[in-house]
Amino acid sequence: MRVTGVLNGTEYAIDHDASVDRLAAVEPEPVRDHYVVVRGRRFPPKQALAVLLNIDRADFTTYQARRILHRLGFEVGRRRSSSSEAVPLGVGIAPGVVEVRTVGAARGNAERGVSTLREYVGQWVAVRGDEVLVSGASPQEVIRTLQRRDLTAESLFRVPLDPTRDVLGG
């Protein structure tokens, strides 16, 4: 899919597949409010569009970025406010301990919280609120990435391949 348009008087043309490839090489910055999902990673829309168009972020608004990225076929969204409700989503492992970890579910929308992690099945993830900060093949890899990016997670766990077997340790 290819999208063309004019942004602040400058014409642009962006290809979906090329966008995915280009953003795959970029570390997403922390999401504040709005986000765009590219290969399971959440980017601030302005960061993603600035990378794709090679322009300064001050030259466009978040709304413009969201609209263009949505037209390209990417999922765009807005972080939900925190909630006291929680959804069991994975297994946290400490020395000799297996426990079910939870991630906050906003407004009781548990299914959306679970669907957020579907693409991370079998991987280790670091989570803060309802946002996956980092994913990787091992907890050590995730911790190194968190440290390198100076991020703090609320929870670190492996998203189970089979929640029934993984939770029970089978």
N, C-alpha and C. Protein backbone atom coordinates (compact mmCIF):
# COMPACT_ATOMS: atom_id res chain seq x y z
N MET A 1 0.85 -1.17 0.00
CA MET A 1 0.00 0.00 0.00
C MET A 1 0.90 1.24 0.00
N ARG A 2 0.53 2.21 -0.77
CA ARG A 2 1.28 3.45 -0.89
C ARG A 2 0.33 4.62 -0.62
N VAL A 3 0.81 5.57 0.18
CA VAL A 3 0.01 6.74 0.52
C VAL A 3 0.78 7.98 0.07
N THR A 4 0.07 8.89 -0.60
CA THR A 4 0.67 10.16 -1.00
C THR A 4 -0.15 11.29 -0.42
N GLY A 5 0.47 12.45 -0.31
CA GLY A 5 -0.25 13.60 0.21
C GLY A 5 0.67 14.80 0.30
N VAL A 6 0.16 15.83 0.97
CA VAL A 6 0.92 17.05 1.17
C VAL A 6 0.89 17.36 2.67
N LEU A 7 2.04 17.60 3.23
CA LEU A 7 2.16 17.93 4.64
C LEU A 7 2.91 19.26 4.75
N ASN A 8 2.22 20.28 5.21
CA ASN A 8 2.80 21.63 5.33
C ASN A 8 3.43 22.09 4.02
N GLY A 9 2.74 21.85 2.92
CA GLY A 9 3.19 22.32 1.62
C GLY A 9 4.20 21.43 0.92
N THR A 10 4.64 20.35 1.57
CA THR A 10 5.62 19.44 0.97
C THR A 10 4.93 18.13 0.61
N GLU A 11 5.11 17.70 -0.64
CA GLU A 11 4.51 16.44 -1.07
C GLU A 11 5.30 15.26 -0.50
N TYR A 12 4.59 14.20 -0.19
CA TYR A 12 5.24 12.99 0.31
C TYR A 12 4.58 11.76 -0.32
N ALA A 13 5.32 10.67 -0.34
CA ALA A 13 4.82 9.37 -0.77
C ALA A 13 5.47 8.34 0.14
N ILE A 14 4.64 7.53 0.79
CA ILE A 14 5.14 6.54 1.74
C ILE A 14 4.57 5.17 1.37
N ASP A 15 5.42 4.16 1.38
CA ASP A 15 5.03 2.79 1.11
C ASP A 15 4.95 2.03 2.43
N HIS A 16 3.89 1.25 2.64
CA HIS A 16 3.69 0.52 3.89
C HIS A 16 4.86 -0.42 4.18
N ASP A 17 5.21 -1.29 3.23
CA ASP A 17 6.26 -2.28 3.48
C ASP A 17 7.61 -1.62 3.75
N ALA A 18 7.93 -0.58 3.00
CA ALA A 18 9.18 0.15 3.23
C ALA A 18 9.16 0.81 4.61
N SER A 19 7.99 1.26 5.04
CA SER A 19 7.86 1.88 6.36
C SER A 19 8.14 0.87 7.46
N VAL A 20 7.61 -0.32 7.30
CA VAL A 20 7.83 -1.38 8.29
C VAL A 20 9.32 -1.69 8.38
N ASP A 21 9.96 -1.84 7.23
CA ASP A 21 11.40 -2.14 7.22
C ASP A 21 12.21 -1.02 7.85
N ARG A 22 11.88 0.22 7.54
CA ARG A 22 12.64 1.35 8.08
C ARG A 22 12.47 1.47 9.59
N LEU A 23 11.25 1.28 10.08
CA LEU A 23 11.01 1.41 11.52
C LEU A 23 11.52 0.21 12.31
N ALA A 24 11.75 -0.92 11.63
CA ALA A 24 12.29 -2.10 12.31
C ALA A 24 13.68 -1.82 12.87
N ALA A 25 14.39 -0.89 12.26
CA ALA A 25 15.76 -0.56 12.68
C ALA A 25 15.80 0.54 13.74
N VAL A 26 14.63 1.02 14.17
CA VAL A 26 14.55 2.14 15.11
C VAL A 26 14.02 1.66 16.45
N GLU A 27 14.64 2.12 17.54
CA GLU A 27 14.12 1.83 18.89
C GLU A 27 12.98 2.79 19.19
N PRO A 28 11.81 2.28 19.54
CA PRO A 28 10.71 3.19 19.87
C PRO A 28 10.99 3.96 21.15
N GLU A 29 10.62 5.22 21.14
CA GLU A 29 10.71 6.03 22.35
C GLU A 29 9.52 5.68 23.23
N PRO A 30 9.56 6.03 24.51
CA PRO A 30 8.40 5.76 25.36
C PRO A 30 7.15 6.48 24.84
N VAL A 31 6.03 5.79 24.91
CA VAL A 31 4.76 6.35 24.47
C VAL A 31 4.15 7.15 25.60
N ARG A 32 3.76 8.36 25.32
CA ARG A 32 3.12 9.21 26.34
C ARG A 32 1.61 9.06 26.30
N ASP A 33 1.02 9.29 25.16
CA ASP A 33 -0.43 9.24 25.05
C ASP A 33 -0.86 8.46 23.80
N HIS A 34 -0.49 8.95 22.63
CA HIS A 34 -0.86 8.31 21.37
C HIS A 34 0.25 7.37 20.91
N TYR A 35 -0.13 6.36 20.12
CA TYR A 35 0.86 5.42 19.60
C TYR A 35 0.42 4.86 18.25
N VAL A 36 1.40 4.31 17.54
CA VAL A 36 1.17 3.56 16.32
C VAL A 36 1.89 2.23 16.50
N VAL A 37 1.25 1.14 16.07
CA VAL A 37 1.83 -0.19 16.24
C VAL A 37 2.47 -0.63 14.93
N VAL A 38 3.77 -0.93 15.00
CA VAL A 38 4.52 -1.41 13.84
C VAL A 38 5.25 -2.67 14.27
N ARG A 39 4.87 -3.80 13.66
CA ARG A 39 5.44 -5.11 14.01
C ARG A 39 5.38 -5.37 15.51
N GLY A 40 4.26 -5.05 16.10
CA GLY A 40 4.05 -5.34 17.51
C GLY A 40 4.70 -4.37 18.47
N ARG A 41 5.36 -3.34 17.96
CA ARG A 41 5.99 -2.36 18.84
C ARG A 41 5.24 -1.04 18.74
N ARG A 42 5.06 -0.40 19.88
CA ARG A 42 4.37 0.89 19.91
C ARG A 42 5.37 2.04 19.79
N PHE A 43 5.12 2.90 18.82
CA PHE A 43 5.92 4.09 18.61
C PHE A 43 5.06 5.32 18.85
N PRO A 44 5.64 6.41 19.35
CA PRO A 44 4.91 7.67 19.31
C PRO A 44 4.71 8.02 17.82
N PRO A 45 3.51 8.42 17.42
CA PRO A 45 3.25 8.70 16.00
C PRO A 45 4.21 9.73 15.40
N LYS A 46 4.54 10.76 16.18
CA LYS A 46 5.43 11.78 15.64
C LYS A 46 6.83 11.22 15.39
N GLN A 47 7.30 10.33 16.26
CA GLN A 47 8.60 9.71 16.03
C GLN A 47 8.57 8.90 14.74
N ALA A 48 7.54 8.07 14.59
CA ALA A 48 7.45 7.20 13.41
C ALA A 48 7.40 8.03 12.13
N LEU A 49 6.55 9.04 12.08
CA LEU A 49 6.42 9.82 10.85
C LEU A 49 7.67 10.64 10.57
N ALA A 50 8.30 11.16 11.60
CA ALA A 50 9.54 11.92 11.41
C ALA A 50 10.62 11.03 10.80
N VAL A 51 10.70 9.78 11.24
CA VAL A 51 11.67 8.84 10.68
C VAL A 51 11.33 8.53 9.22
N LEU A 52 10.05 8.29 8.96
CA LEU A 52 9.64 7.90 7.61
C LEU A 52 9.80 9.02 6.59
N LEU A 53 9.52 10.26 7.00
CA LEU A 53 9.60 11.39 6.07
C LEU A 53 10.89 12.18 6.20
N ASN A 54 11.70 11.83 7.21
CA ASN A 54 12.95 12.54 7.45
C ASN A 54 12.71 14.05 7.61
N ILE A 55 11.75 14.38 8.49
CA ILE A 55 11.43 15.78 8.74
C ILE A 55 11.41 16.04 10.25
N ASP A 56 11.46 17.28 10.62
CA ASP A 56 11.45 17.69 12.02
C ASP A 56 10.05 17.49 12.60
N ARG A 57 9.98 17.03 13.82
CA ARG A 57 8.69 16.77 14.47
C ARG A 57 7.88 18.04 14.70
N ALA A 58 8.55 19.16 14.74
CA ALA A 58 7.84 20.43 14.95
C ALA A 58 7.05 20.85 13.71
N ASP A 59 7.29 20.17 12.59
CA ASP A 59 6.65 20.53 11.33
C ASP A 59 5.26 19.92 11.14
N PHE A 60 4.80 19.11 12.11
CA PHE A 60 3.48 18.49 11.98
C PHE A 60 2.94 18.15 13.37
N THR A 61 1.65 17.87 13.42
CA THR A 61 1.00 17.56 14.70
C THR A 61 0.85 16.05 14.87
N THR A 62 0.57 15.64 16.09
CA THR A 62 0.30 14.24 16.36
C THR A 62 -0.91 13.77 15.56
N TYR A 63 -1.91 14.62 15.47
CA TYR A 63 -3.12 14.26 14.72
C TYR A 63 -2.77 13.96 13.26
N GLN A 64 -1.94 14.82 12.65
CA GLN A 64 -1.55 14.59 11.26
C GLN A 64 -0.78 13.27 11.13
N ALA A 65 0.12 13.02 12.06
CA ALA A 65 0.90 11.78 12.03
C ALA A 65 -0.01 10.57 12.16
N ARG A 66 -0.93 10.60 13.11
CA ARG A 66 -1.86 9.48 13.30
C ARG A 66 -2.67 9.23 12.04
N ARG A 67 -3.16 10.28 11.43
CA ARG A 67 -4.00 10.15 10.24
C ARG A 67 -3.22 9.52 9.09
N ILE A 68 -2.01 10.00 8.85
CA ILE A 68 -1.19 9.46 7.76
C ILE A 68 -0.84 8.00 8.02
N LEU A 69 -0.42 7.69 9.24
CA LEU A 69 -0.04 6.31 9.57
C LEU A 69 -1.24 5.36 9.52
N HIS A 70 -2.40 5.85 9.90
CA HIS A 70 -3.62 5.04 9.80
C HIS A 70 -3.95 4.77 8.33
N ARG A 71 -3.82 5.79 7.48
CA ARG A 71 -4.06 5.60 6.05
C ARG A 71 -3.09 4.58 5.47
N LEU A 72 -1.90 4.47 6.04
CA LEU A 72 -0.91 3.48 5.59
C LEU A 72 -1.27 2.07 6.03
N GLY A 73 -2.25 1.95 6.91
CA GLY A 73 -2.70 0.64 7.35
C GLY A 73 -2.20 0.21 8.71
N PHE A 74 -1.55 1.13 9.45
CA PHE A 74 -1.06 0.80 10.77
C PHE A 74 -2.15 1.04 11.81
N GLU A 75 -2.12 0.25 12.87
CA GLU A 75 -3.03 0.45 14.00
C GLU A 75 -2.54 1.66 14.79
N VAL A 76 -3.43 2.60 15.03
CA VAL A 76 -3.10 3.75 15.87
C VAL A 76 -4.04 3.72 17.07
N GLY A 77 -3.57 4.24 18.18
CA GLY A 77 -4.40 4.22 19.38
C GLY A 77 -3.94 5.25 20.38
N ARG A 78 -4.61 5.19 21.50
CA ARG A 78 -4.32 6.10 22.60
C ARG A 78 -4.25 5.27 23.87
N ARG A 79 -3.25 5.56 24.69
CA ARG A 79 -3.12 4.81 25.95
C ARG A 79 -4.35 5.03 26.80
N ARG A 80 -4.72 3.98 27.48
CA ARG A 80 -5.87 4.06 28.38
C ARG A 80 -5.39 4.53 29.74
N SER A 81 -6.30 5.12 30.49
CA SER A 81 -5.95 5.51 31.85
C SER A 81 -5.81 4.27 32.70
N SER A 82 -5.06 4.39 33.79
CA SER A 82 -4.86 3.22 34.65
C SER A 82 -6.16 2.88 35.37
N SER A 83 -6.24 1.65 35.78
CA SER A 83 -7.44 1.16 36.44
C SER A 83 -7.04 0.21 37.55
N SER A 84 -7.92 0.04 38.51
CA SER A 84 -7.61 -0.88 39.60
C SER A 84 -7.84 -2.33 39.18
N GLU A 85 -8.54 -2.53 38.06
CA GLU A 85 -8.76 -3.89 37.59
C GLU A 85 -7.47 -4.44 37.00
N ALA A 86 -7.30 -5.74 37.05
CA ALA A 86 -6.09 -6.35 36.50
C ALA A 86 -6.45 -7.61 35.75
N VAL A 87 -5.63 -7.96 34.78
CA VAL A 87 -5.85 -9.13 33.95
C VAL A 87 -4.64 -10.04 34.06
N PRO A 88 -4.83 -11.32 34.37
CA PRO A 88 -3.68 -12.23 34.38
C PRO A 88 -3.23 -12.47 32.94
N LEU A 89 -1.96 -12.22 32.67
CA LEU A 89 -1.49 -12.32 31.29
C LEU A 89 -0.25 -13.19 31.11
N GLY A 90 0.45 -13.51 32.15
CA GLY A 90 1.66 -14.26 31.93
C GLY A 90 2.19 -14.89 33.18
N VAL A 91 3.37 -15.44 33.07
CA VAL A 91 3.98 -16.13 34.19
C VAL A 91 5.27 -15.39 34.55
N GLY A 92 5.38 -14.95 35.79
CA GLY A 92 6.61 -14.33 36.25
C GLY A 92 7.43 -15.36 36.97
N ILE A 93 8.72 -15.43 36.72
CA ILE A 93 9.57 -16.45 37.31
C ILE A 93 10.63 -15.78 38.17
N ALA A 94 10.70 -16.20 39.41
CA ALA A 94 11.77 -15.79 40.33
C ALA A 94 12.45 -17.09 40.75
N PRO A 95 13.61 -17.01 41.38
CA PRO A 95 14.29 -18.26 41.78
C PRO A 95 13.36 -19.18 42.58
N GLY A 96 13.02 -20.29 41.98
CA GLY A 96 12.18 -21.29 42.64
C GLY A 96 10.71 -20.94 42.73
N VAL A 97 10.26 -19.86 42.08
CA VAL A 97 8.86 -19.44 42.21
C VAL A 97 8.24 -19.23 40.83
N VAL A 98 7.04 -19.76 40.65
CA VAL A 98 6.27 -19.49 39.45
C VAL A 98 5.00 -18.82 39.91
N GLU A 99 4.72 -17.65 39.37
CA GLU A 99 3.50 -16.94 39.77
C GLU A 99 2.86 -16.27 38.58
N VAL A 100 1.56 -16.15 38.64
CA VAL A 100 0.83 -15.45 37.59
C VAL A 100 0.98 -13.96 37.84
N ARG A 101 1.40 -13.22 36.82
CA ARG A 101 1.52 -11.77 36.92
C ARG A 101 0.30 -11.14 36.27
N THR A 102 0.04 -9.91 36.62
CA THR A 102 -1.10 -9.22 36.05
C THR A 102 -0.67 -7.90 35.44
N VAL A 103 -1.46 -7.47 34.48
CA VAL A 103 -1.28 -6.17 33.85
C VAL A 103 -2.61 -5.45 33.97
N GLY A 104 -2.60 -4.17 34.32
CA GLY A 104 -3.82 -3.40 34.50
C GLY A 104 -4.70 -3.42 33.26
N ALA A 105 -5.99 -3.52 33.47
CA ALA A 105 -6.95 -3.46 32.37
C ALA A 105 -7.79 -2.21 32.55
N ALA A 106 -7.81 -1.38 31.56
CA ALA A 106 -8.56 -0.14 31.65
C ALA A 106 -10.02 -0.39 31.37
N ARG A 107 -10.86 0.22 32.16
CA ARG A 107 -12.30 0.17 31.97
C ARG A 107 -12.83 -1.24 31.77
N GLY A 108 -12.20 -2.22 32.41
CA GLY A 108 -12.70 -3.59 32.35
C GLY A 108 -12.53 -4.26 31.00
N ASN A 109 -11.73 -3.72 30.12
CA ASN A 109 -11.58 -4.30 28.79
C ASN A 109 -10.47 -5.34 28.79
N ALA A 110 -10.73 -6.46 29.41
CA ALA A 110 -9.72 -7.52 29.56
C ALA A 110 -9.31 -8.10 28.22
N GLU A 111 -10.25 -8.29 27.31
CA GLU A 111 -9.93 -8.89 26.02
C GLU A 111 -8.90 -8.06 25.26
N ARG A 112 -9.02 -6.74 25.33
CA ARG A 112 -8.06 -5.89 24.64
C ARG A 112 -6.67 -6.05 25.26
N GLY A 113 -6.58 -6.16 26.58
CA GLY A 113 -5.30 -6.37 27.24
C GLY A 113 -4.65 -7.66 26.81
N VAL A 114 -5.44 -8.72 26.71
CA VAL A 114 -4.93 -10.01 26.28
C VAL A 114 -4.49 -9.95 24.82
N SER A 115 -5.28 -9.30 23.97
CA SER A 115 -4.92 -9.24 22.55
C SER A 115 -3.65 -8.45 22.34
N THR A 116 -3.33 -7.52 23.22
CA THR A 116 -2.09 -6.76 23.12
C THR A 116 -0.88 -7.68 23.18
N LEU A 117 -0.98 -8.77 23.96
CA LEU A 117 0.17 -9.66 24.15
C LEU A 117 0.18 -10.86 23.22
N ARG A 118 -0.83 -11.03 22.40
CA ARG A 118 -0.87 -12.20 21.51
C ARG A 118 0.37 -12.31 20.64
N GLU A 119 0.87 -11.19 20.16
CA GLU A 119 2.04 -11.23 19.28
C GLU A 119 3.33 -11.53 20.03
N TYR A 120 3.29 -11.56 21.36
CA TYR A 120 4.48 -11.82 22.17
C TYR A 120 4.50 -13.24 22.75
N VAL A 121 3.61 -14.11 22.29
CA VAL A 121 3.53 -15.47 22.82
C VAL A 121 4.90 -16.14 22.75
N GLY A 122 5.33 -16.69 23.88
CA GLY A 122 6.61 -17.39 23.96
C GLY A 122 7.79 -16.47 24.24
N GLN A 123 7.58 -15.16 24.28
CA GLN A 123 8.66 -14.21 24.52
C GLN A 123 8.57 -13.66 25.93
N TRP A 124 9.67 -13.12 26.40
CA TRP A 124 9.70 -12.40 27.66
C TRP A 124 9.36 -10.95 27.38
N VAL A 125 8.54 -10.34 28.24
CA VAL A 125 8.15 -8.94 28.06
C VAL A 125 8.31 -8.18 29.37
N ALA A 126 8.65 -6.91 29.24
CA ALA A 126 8.67 -5.99 30.37
C ALA A 126 7.51 -5.04 30.15
N VAL A 127 6.68 -4.88 31.17
CA VAL A 127 5.43 -4.14 31.04
C VAL A 127 5.36 -3.04 32.09
N ARG A 128 4.82 -1.90 31.67
CA ARG A 128 4.47 -0.82 32.60
C ARG A 128 3.06 -0.39 32.24
N GLY A 129 2.14 -0.49 33.21
CA GLY A 129 0.74 -0.19 32.92
C GLY A 129 0.22 -1.19 31.91
N ASP A 130 -0.35 -0.69 30.81
CA ASP A 130 -0.85 -1.58 29.76
C ASP A 130 0.05 -1.55 28.54
N GLU A 131 1.30 -1.12 28.72
CA GLU A 131 2.23 -0.98 27.61
C GLU A 131 3.39 -1.96 27.73
N VAL A 132 3.66 -2.68 26.65
CA VAL A 132 4.84 -3.53 26.58
C VAL A 132 6.01 -2.62 26.24
N LEU A 133 6.97 -2.51 27.15
CA LEU A 133 8.12 -1.64 26.94
C LEU A 133 9.17 -2.31 26.07
N VAL A 134 9.45 -3.59 26.38
CA VAL A 134 10.53 -4.33 25.73
C VAL A 134 10.14 -5.79 25.67
N SER A 135 10.53 -6.47 24.59
CA SER A 135 10.34 -7.92 24.52
C SER A 135 11.65 -8.55 24.07
N GLY A 136 11.81 -9.83 24.40
CA GLY A 136 13.03 -10.53 24.01
C GLY A 136 12.94 -12.01 24.26
N ALA A 137 13.97 -12.73 23.85
CA ALA A 137 14.00 -14.18 23.97
C ALA A 137 14.32 -14.66 25.38
N SER A 138 14.94 -13.79 26.19
CA SER A 138 15.31 -14.19 27.55
C SER A 138 15.10 -13.02 28.50
N PRO A 139 14.96 -13.32 29.81
CA PRO A 139 14.80 -12.21 30.76
C PRO A 139 16.06 -11.34 30.80
N GLN A 140 17.22 -11.95 30.61
CA GLN A 140 18.46 -11.17 30.63
C GLN A 140 18.50 -10.18 29.47
N GLU A 141 18.07 -10.60 28.30
CA GLU A 141 18.02 -9.71 27.14
C GLU A 141 17.09 -8.53 27.40
N VAL A 142 15.92 -8.81 27.98
CA VAL A 142 14.95 -7.75 28.27
C VAL A 142 15.53 -6.79 29.30
N ILE A 143 16.16 -7.30 30.34
CA ILE A 143 16.73 -6.45 31.39
C ILE A 143 17.85 -5.58 30.82
N ARG A 144 18.70 -6.15 29.97
CA ARG A 144 19.78 -5.34 29.36
C ARG A 144 19.19 -4.20 28.53
N THR A 145 18.15 -4.50 27.76
CA THR A 145 17.52 -3.46 26.93
C THR A 145 16.88 -2.39 27.80
N LEU A 146 16.21 -2.80 28.88
CA LEU A 146 15.63 -1.82 29.80
C LEU A 146 16.71 -0.91 30.37
N GLN A 147 17.81 -1.50 30.81
CA GLN A 147 18.91 -0.71 31.38
C GLN A 147 19.51 0.23 30.34
N ARG A 148 19.74 -0.27 29.13
CA ARG A 148 20.32 0.55 28.07
C ARG A 148 19.42 1.75 27.73
N ARG A 149 18.10 1.53 27.77
CA ARG A 149 17.16 2.60 27.44
C ARG A 149 16.71 3.39 28.66
N ASP A 150 17.27 3.04 29.85
CA ASP A 150 16.94 3.72 31.10
C ASP A 150 15.43 3.70 31.37
N LEU A 151 14.83 2.52 31.22
CA LEU A 151 13.40 2.34 31.46
C LEU A 151 13.19 1.47 32.70
N THR A 152 12.06 1.67 33.35
CA THR A 152 11.67 0.87 34.51
C THR A 152 10.33 0.21 34.21
N ALA A 153 10.27 -1.09 34.39
CA ALA A 153 9.05 -1.85 34.16
C ALA A 153 8.39 -2.18 35.49
N GLU A 154 7.08 -2.38 35.45
CA GLU A 154 6.36 -2.82 36.64
C GLU A 154 6.39 -4.34 36.76
N SER A 155 6.55 -5.01 35.62
CA SER A 155 6.47 -6.46 35.63
C SER A 155 7.32 -7.02 34.49
N LEU A 156 7.93 -8.17 34.74
CA LEU A 156 8.70 -8.89 33.72
C LEU A 156 8.21 -10.33 33.75
N PHE A 157 7.75 -10.82 32.60
CA PHE A 157 7.24 -12.18 32.55
C PHE A 157 7.32 -12.74 31.15
N ARG A 158 7.15 -14.05 31.05
CA ARG A 158 7.10 -14.72 29.76
C ARG A 158 5.65 -14.93 29.40
N VAL A 159 5.28 -14.52 28.20
CA VAL A 159 3.91 -14.73 27.73
C VAL A 159 3.81 -16.20 27.37
N PRO A 160 2.92 -16.93 28.03
CA PRO A 160 2.89 -18.39 27.86
C PRO A 160 2.42 -18.83 26.49
N LEU A 161 3.00 -19.95 26.03
CA LEU A 161 2.54 -20.58 24.79
C LEU A 161 1.17 -21.20 25.03
N ASP A 162 1.03 -21.85 26.18
CA ASP A 162 -0.22 -22.48 26.59
C ASP A 162 -0.43 -22.07 28.04
N PRO A 163 -1.30 -21.08 28.31
CA PRO A 163 -1.46 -20.59 29.67
C PRO A 163 -1.77 -21.65 30.70
N THR A 164 -2.53 -22.66 30.34
CA THR A 164 -2.88 -23.71 31.29
C THR A 164 -1.65 -24.51 31.70
N ARG A 165 -0.88 -24.95 30.73
CA ARG A 165 0.31 -25.74 31.03
C ARG A 165 1.40 -24.89 31.67
N ASP A 166 1.63 -23.68 31.14
CA ASP A 166 2.69 -22.84 31.68
C ASP A 166 2.41 -22.42 33.10
N VAL A 167 1.17 -22.02 33.41
CA VAL A 167 0.84 -21.59 34.77
C VAL A 167 0.98 -22.75 35.75
N LEU A 168 0.57 -23.94 35.32
CA LEU A 168 0.66 -25.11 36.19
C LEU A 168 2.05 -25.72 36.20
N GLY A 169 2.92 -25.22 35.35
CA GLY A 169 4.29 -25.73 35.31
C GLY A 169 4.45 -27.01 34.51
N GLY A 170 3.43 -27.35 33.69
CA GLY A 170 3.47 -28.62 32.95
C GLY A 170 4.27 -28.59 31.70
